[in-house]
Amino acid sequence: MKFSEGLLDEQFDEFKVLVFEKLDSIVKASSLVEMVNSLIRPYLNTSKGQITQETLNLIMFYHNHRRYKSGKRQGKAPIELLTGEALQGDWVDL
């Protein structure tokens, strides 16, 4: 900070406020990453070696097309909530 203050002289306070405003506006997304990790971890644990893109696609399809069993979204699938259209059948039948 002292180095920057020496370089910027009178503009230091203005830049300091701007930098701290930008830093305060950063949204941390670790909770989203943790949710995705917890979703795919059981499948990763059963895979030997590296997981393929096809396996990730299947996990994604399952997650988006299975219906919630409890909570305020009970009976709805994420894809139904996104599109507003009802699924024609179970995810296995699609």
N, C-alpha and C. Protein backbone atom coordinates (compact mmCIF):
# COMPACT_ATOMS: atom_id res chain seq x y z
N MET A 1 0.82 -1.18 0.00
CA MET A 1 0.00 0.00 0.00
C MET A 1 0.87 1.25 0.00
N LYS A 2 1.92 1.23 0.79
CA LYS A 2 2.78 2.42 0.84
C LYS A 2 3.46 2.66 -0.50
N PHE A 3 3.83 1.57 -1.18
CA PHE A 3 4.45 1.69 -2.50
C PHE A 3 3.47 2.34 -3.48
N SER A 4 2.22 1.88 -3.46
CA SER A 4 1.20 2.44 -4.35
C SER A 4 0.92 3.89 -3.99
N GLU A 5 0.91 4.18 -2.72
CA GLU A 5 0.66 5.55 -2.28
C GLU A 5 1.76 6.48 -2.79
N GLY A 6 3.00 5.99 -2.78
CA GLY A 6 4.10 6.79 -3.29
C GLY A 6 4.02 7.02 -4.79
N LEU A 7 3.53 6.03 -5.53
CA LEU A 7 3.41 6.17 -6.98
C LEU A 7 2.25 7.06 -7.41
N LEU A 8 1.14 6.98 -6.69
CA LEU A 8 -0.08 7.65 -7.13
C LEU A 8 -0.28 9.03 -6.51
N ASP A 9 0.42 9.35 -5.46
CA ASP A 9 0.30 10.63 -4.77
C ASP A 9 -1.15 10.98 -4.44
N GLU A 10 -1.69 12.05 -5.09
CA GLU A 10 -3.04 12.52 -4.75
C GLU A 10 -4.13 11.56 -5.20
N GLN A 11 -3.87 10.74 -6.19
CA GLN A 11 -4.90 9.83 -6.72
C GLN A 11 -5.03 8.56 -5.88
N PHE A 12 -4.16 8.37 -4.91
CA PHE A 12 -4.16 7.14 -4.14
C PHE A 12 -5.49 6.87 -3.46
N ASP A 13 -6.03 7.87 -2.75
CA ASP A 13 -7.28 7.66 -2.02
C ASP A 13 -8.43 7.29 -2.96
N GLU A 14 -8.48 7.94 -4.12
CA GLU A 14 -9.53 7.65 -5.11
C GLU A 14 -9.41 6.21 -5.61
N PHE A 15 -8.20 5.79 -5.95
CA PHE A 15 -7.98 4.43 -6.43
C PHE A 15 -8.21 3.39 -5.33
N LYS A 16 -7.84 3.74 -4.11
CA LYS A 16 -8.04 2.82 -2.99
C LYS A 16 -9.53 2.53 -2.80
N VAL A 17 -10.35 3.57 -2.83
CA VAL A 17 -11.80 3.40 -2.70
C VAL A 17 -12.33 2.56 -3.85
N LEU A 18 -11.89 2.83 -5.07
CA LEU A 18 -12.34 2.09 -6.25
C LEU A 18 -11.96 0.61 -6.15
N VAL A 19 -10.73 0.33 -5.76
CA VAL A 19 -10.26 -1.06 -5.65
C VAL A 19 -11.05 -1.81 -4.58
N PHE A 20 -11.27 -1.19 -3.42
CA PHE A 20 -12.01 -1.86 -2.37
C PHE A 20 -13.48 -2.06 -2.73
N GLU A 21 -14.07 -1.14 -3.50
CA GLU A 21 -15.45 -1.34 -3.98
C GLU A 21 -15.51 -2.54 -4.91
N LYS A 22 -14.53 -2.66 -5.81
CA LYS A 22 -14.50 -3.80 -6.74
C LYS A 22 -14.31 -5.11 -5.97
N LEU A 23 -13.42 -5.12 -5.00
CA LEU A 23 -13.19 -6.33 -4.21
C LEU A 23 -14.43 -6.73 -3.41
N ASP A 24 -15.17 -5.74 -2.91
CA ASP A 24 -16.38 -6.03 -2.14
C ASP A 24 -17.49 -6.59 -3.02
N SER A 25 -17.46 -6.30 -4.32
CA SER A 25 -18.53 -6.75 -5.21
C SER A 25 -18.30 -8.16 -5.76
N ILE A 26 -17.16 -8.77 -5.47
CA ILE A 26 -16.86 -10.11 -5.96
C ILE A 26 -17.74 -11.12 -5.23
N VAL A 27 -18.41 -11.96 -6.01
CA VAL A 27 -19.26 -13.00 -5.44
C VAL A 27 -18.47 -14.30 -5.40
N LYS A 28 -18.40 -14.90 -4.25
CA LYS A 28 -17.68 -16.16 -4.11
C LYS A 28 -18.63 -17.30 -4.46
N ALA A 29 -18.15 -18.23 -5.27
CA ALA A 29 -19.01 -19.31 -5.76
C ALA A 29 -18.61 -20.67 -5.22
N SER A 30 -17.94 -20.71 -4.10
CA SER A 30 -17.49 -22.00 -3.60
C SER A 30 -18.66 -22.90 -3.22
N SER A 31 -19.78 -22.32 -2.80
CA SER A 31 -20.93 -23.16 -2.44
C SER A 31 -21.48 -23.88 -3.67
N LEU A 32 -21.48 -23.22 -4.82
CA LEU A 32 -21.93 -23.87 -6.05
C LEU A 32 -20.99 -25.00 -6.44
N VAL A 33 -19.70 -24.76 -6.32
CA VAL A 33 -18.71 -25.79 -6.65
C VAL A 33 -18.86 -26.98 -5.70
N GLU A 34 -19.07 -26.71 -4.43
CA GLU A 34 -19.24 -27.79 -3.45
C GLU A 34 -20.50 -28.60 -3.74
N MET A 35 -21.57 -27.93 -4.19
CA MET A 35 -22.80 -28.64 -4.53
C MET A 35 -22.57 -29.58 -5.71
N VAL A 36 -21.87 -29.10 -6.74
CA VAL A 36 -21.59 -29.94 -7.90
C VAL A 36 -20.69 -31.10 -7.50
N ASN A 37 -19.68 -30.84 -6.70
CA ASN A 37 -18.80 -31.92 -6.24
C ASN A 37 -19.57 -32.97 -5.44
N SER A 38 -20.46 -32.53 -4.56
CA SER A 38 -21.22 -33.50 -3.77
C SER A 38 -22.19 -34.29 -4.64
N LEU A 39 -22.65 -33.68 -5.73
CA LEU A 39 -23.56 -34.37 -6.64
C LEU A 39 -22.86 -35.48 -7.41
N ILE A 40 -21.65 -35.22 -7.89
CA ILE A 40 -20.97 -36.21 -8.74
C ILE A 40 -20.01 -37.13 -7.98
N ARG A 41 -19.72 -36.81 -6.71
CA ARG A 41 -18.76 -37.62 -5.95
C ARG A 41 -19.11 -39.10 -5.89
N PRO A 42 -20.36 -39.50 -5.63
CA PRO A 42 -20.65 -40.94 -5.59
C PRO A 42 -20.32 -41.64 -6.91
N TYR A 43 -20.52 -40.95 -8.01
CA TYR A 43 -20.23 -41.54 -9.32
C TYR A 43 -18.73 -41.57 -9.59
N LEU A 44 -18.03 -40.56 -9.10
CA LEU A 44 -16.57 -40.52 -9.26
C LEU A 44 -15.91 -41.63 -8.45
N ASN A 45 -16.46 -41.90 -7.27
CA ASN A 45 -15.88 -42.93 -6.42
C ASN A 45 -16.02 -44.32 -7.02
N THR A 46 -17.04 -44.55 -7.84
CA THR A 46 -17.24 -45.86 -8.45
C THR A 46 -16.50 -46.01 -9.77
N SER A 47 -16.00 -44.90 -10.32
CA SER A 47 -15.27 -44.96 -11.59
C SER A 47 -13.81 -45.24 -11.33
N LYS A 48 -13.25 -46.14 -12.10
CA LYS A 48 -11.82 -46.43 -12.00
C LYS A 48 -11.07 -45.46 -12.93
N GLY A 49 -10.04 -44.85 -12.44
CA GLY A 49 -9.27 -43.94 -13.28
C GLY A 49 -10.02 -42.65 -13.55
N GLN A 50 -9.89 -42.15 -14.75
CA GLN A 50 -10.53 -40.88 -15.12
C GLN A 50 -11.97 -41.11 -15.56
N ILE A 51 -12.79 -40.13 -15.29
CA ILE A 51 -14.20 -40.20 -15.69
C ILE A 51 -14.32 -39.63 -17.11
N THR A 52 -15.14 -40.25 -17.93
CA THR A 52 -15.27 -39.82 -19.32
C THR A 52 -16.34 -38.73 -19.45
N GLN A 53 -16.31 -38.04 -20.57
CA GLN A 53 -17.32 -37.02 -20.85
C GLN A 53 -18.71 -37.64 -20.95
N GLU A 54 -18.77 -38.85 -21.50
CA GLU A 54 -20.06 -39.53 -21.62
C GLU A 54 -20.67 -39.81 -20.24
N THR A 55 -19.83 -40.18 -19.28
CA THR A 55 -20.32 -40.42 -17.93
C THR A 55 -20.81 -39.13 -17.30
N LEU A 56 -20.07 -38.04 -17.49
CA LEU A 56 -20.51 -36.74 -16.97
C LEU A 56 -21.82 -36.32 -17.61
N ASN A 57 -21.98 -36.58 -18.91
CA ASN A 57 -23.24 -36.26 -19.59
C ASN A 57 -24.40 -37.06 -19.01
N LEU A 58 -24.17 -38.33 -18.71
CA LEU A 58 -25.21 -39.17 -18.13
C LEU A 58 -25.60 -38.68 -16.74
N ILE A 59 -24.61 -38.30 -15.93
CA ILE A 59 -24.88 -37.75 -14.60
C ILE A 59 -25.71 -36.48 -14.73
N MET A 60 -25.33 -35.61 -15.67
CA MET A 60 -26.05 -34.36 -15.89
C MET A 60 -27.50 -34.64 -16.31
N PHE A 61 -27.68 -35.58 -17.24
CA PHE A 61 -29.03 -35.93 -17.70
C PHE A 61 -29.87 -36.45 -16.55
N TYR A 62 -29.30 -37.36 -15.75
CA TYR A 62 -30.02 -37.92 -14.60
C TYR A 62 -30.42 -36.81 -13.63
N HIS A 63 -29.49 -35.94 -13.31
CA HIS A 63 -29.77 -34.87 -12.35
C HIS A 63 -30.87 -33.94 -12.86
N ASN A 64 -30.85 -33.60 -14.13
CA ASN A 64 -31.82 -32.65 -14.68
C ASN A 64 -33.19 -33.25 -14.92
N HIS A 65 -33.29 -34.59 -15.02
CA HIS A 65 -34.56 -35.22 -15.37
C HIS A 65 -35.20 -36.04 -14.25
N ARG A 66 -34.53 -36.19 -13.12
CA ARG A 66 -35.15 -36.92 -12.01
C ARG A 66 -36.01 -35.95 -11.21
N ARG A 67 -37.08 -36.47 -10.66
CA ARG A 67 -38.02 -35.64 -9.90
C ARG A 67 -37.58 -35.54 -8.43
N TYR A 68 -37.80 -34.35 -7.86
CA TYR A 68 -37.51 -34.15 -6.44
C TYR A 68 -38.47 -34.99 -5.61
N LYS A 69 -37.96 -35.59 -4.55
CA LYS A 69 -38.79 -36.45 -3.70
C LYS A 69 -39.40 -35.71 -2.52
N SER A 70 -38.83 -34.56 -2.17
CA SER A 70 -39.36 -33.80 -1.04
C SER A 70 -39.07 -32.32 -1.24
N GLY A 71 -39.62 -31.51 -0.37
CA GLY A 71 -39.39 -30.08 -0.42
C GLY A 71 -40.42 -29.35 -1.26
N LYS A 72 -40.19 -28.07 -1.45
CA LYS A 72 -41.18 -27.25 -2.17
C LYS A 72 -41.24 -27.58 -3.66
N ARG A 73 -40.24 -28.29 -4.17
CA ARG A 73 -40.24 -28.68 -5.59
C ARG A 73 -40.62 -30.15 -5.78
N GLN A 74 -41.20 -30.75 -4.78
CA GLN A 74 -41.54 -32.17 -4.81
C GLN A 74 -42.37 -32.51 -6.06
N GLY A 75 -41.96 -33.60 -6.72
CA GLY A 75 -42.67 -34.06 -7.91
C GLY A 75 -42.26 -33.38 -9.20
N LYS A 76 -41.40 -32.38 -9.12
CA LYS A 76 -40.92 -31.67 -10.31
C LYS A 76 -39.46 -32.00 -10.56
N ALA A 77 -39.08 -32.00 -11.82
CA ALA A 77 -37.68 -32.19 -12.21
C ALA A 77 -37.07 -30.82 -12.52
N PRO A 78 -35.76 -30.65 -12.35
CA PRO A 78 -35.13 -29.37 -12.67
C PRO A 78 -35.43 -28.90 -14.10
N ILE A 79 -35.47 -29.82 -15.06
CA ILE A 79 -35.74 -29.43 -16.44
C ILE A 79 -37.17 -28.91 -16.60
N GLU A 80 -38.10 -29.44 -15.80
CA GLU A 80 -39.48 -28.95 -15.82
C GLU A 80 -39.55 -27.53 -15.27
N LEU A 81 -38.81 -27.27 -14.21
CA LEU A 81 -38.80 -25.94 -13.63
C LEU A 81 -38.17 -24.92 -14.57
N LEU A 82 -37.17 -25.35 -15.33
CA LEU A 82 -36.50 -24.46 -16.27
C LEU A 82 -37.36 -24.15 -17.48
N THR A 83 -37.96 -25.18 -18.08
CA THR A 83 -38.70 -24.99 -19.33
C THR A 83 -40.18 -24.70 -19.11
N GLY A 84 -40.73 -25.10 -17.96
CA GLY A 84 -42.15 -24.94 -17.73
C GLY A 84 -42.99 -26.02 -18.37
N GLU A 85 -42.36 -27.00 -19.00
CA GLU A 85 -43.07 -28.10 -19.66
C GLU A 85 -42.92 -29.37 -18.83
N ALA A 86 -44.01 -30.12 -18.72
CA ALA A 86 -44.00 -31.36 -17.94
C ALA A 86 -43.25 -32.46 -18.70
N LEU A 87 -42.56 -33.32 -17.96
CA LEU A 87 -41.89 -34.46 -18.57
C LEU A 87 -42.93 -35.50 -19.00
N GLN A 88 -42.66 -36.17 -20.09
CA GLN A 88 -43.58 -37.18 -20.60
C GLN A 88 -43.45 -38.52 -19.88
N GLY A 89 -42.34 -38.74 -19.20
CA GLY A 89 -42.14 -40.00 -18.50
C GLY A 89 -41.00 -39.91 -17.52
N ASP A 90 -40.64 -41.05 -16.95
CA ASP A 90 -39.52 -41.13 -16.03
C ASP A 90 -38.21 -40.93 -16.79
N TRP A 91 -37.16 -40.52 -16.09
CA TRP A 91 -35.89 -40.23 -16.77
C TRP A 91 -35.33 -41.47 -17.45
N VAL A 92 -35.60 -42.65 -16.93
CA VAL A 92 -35.09 -43.89 -17.52
C VAL A 92 -35.77 -44.16 -18.86
N ASP A 93 -37.03 -43.79 -18.98
CA ASP A 93 -37.80 -44.04 -20.20
C ASP A 93 -37.48 -43.06 -21.31
N LEU A 94 -36.90 -41.92 -20.95
CA LEU A 94 -36.60 -40.91 -21.97
C LEU A 94 -35.41 -41.36 -22.77
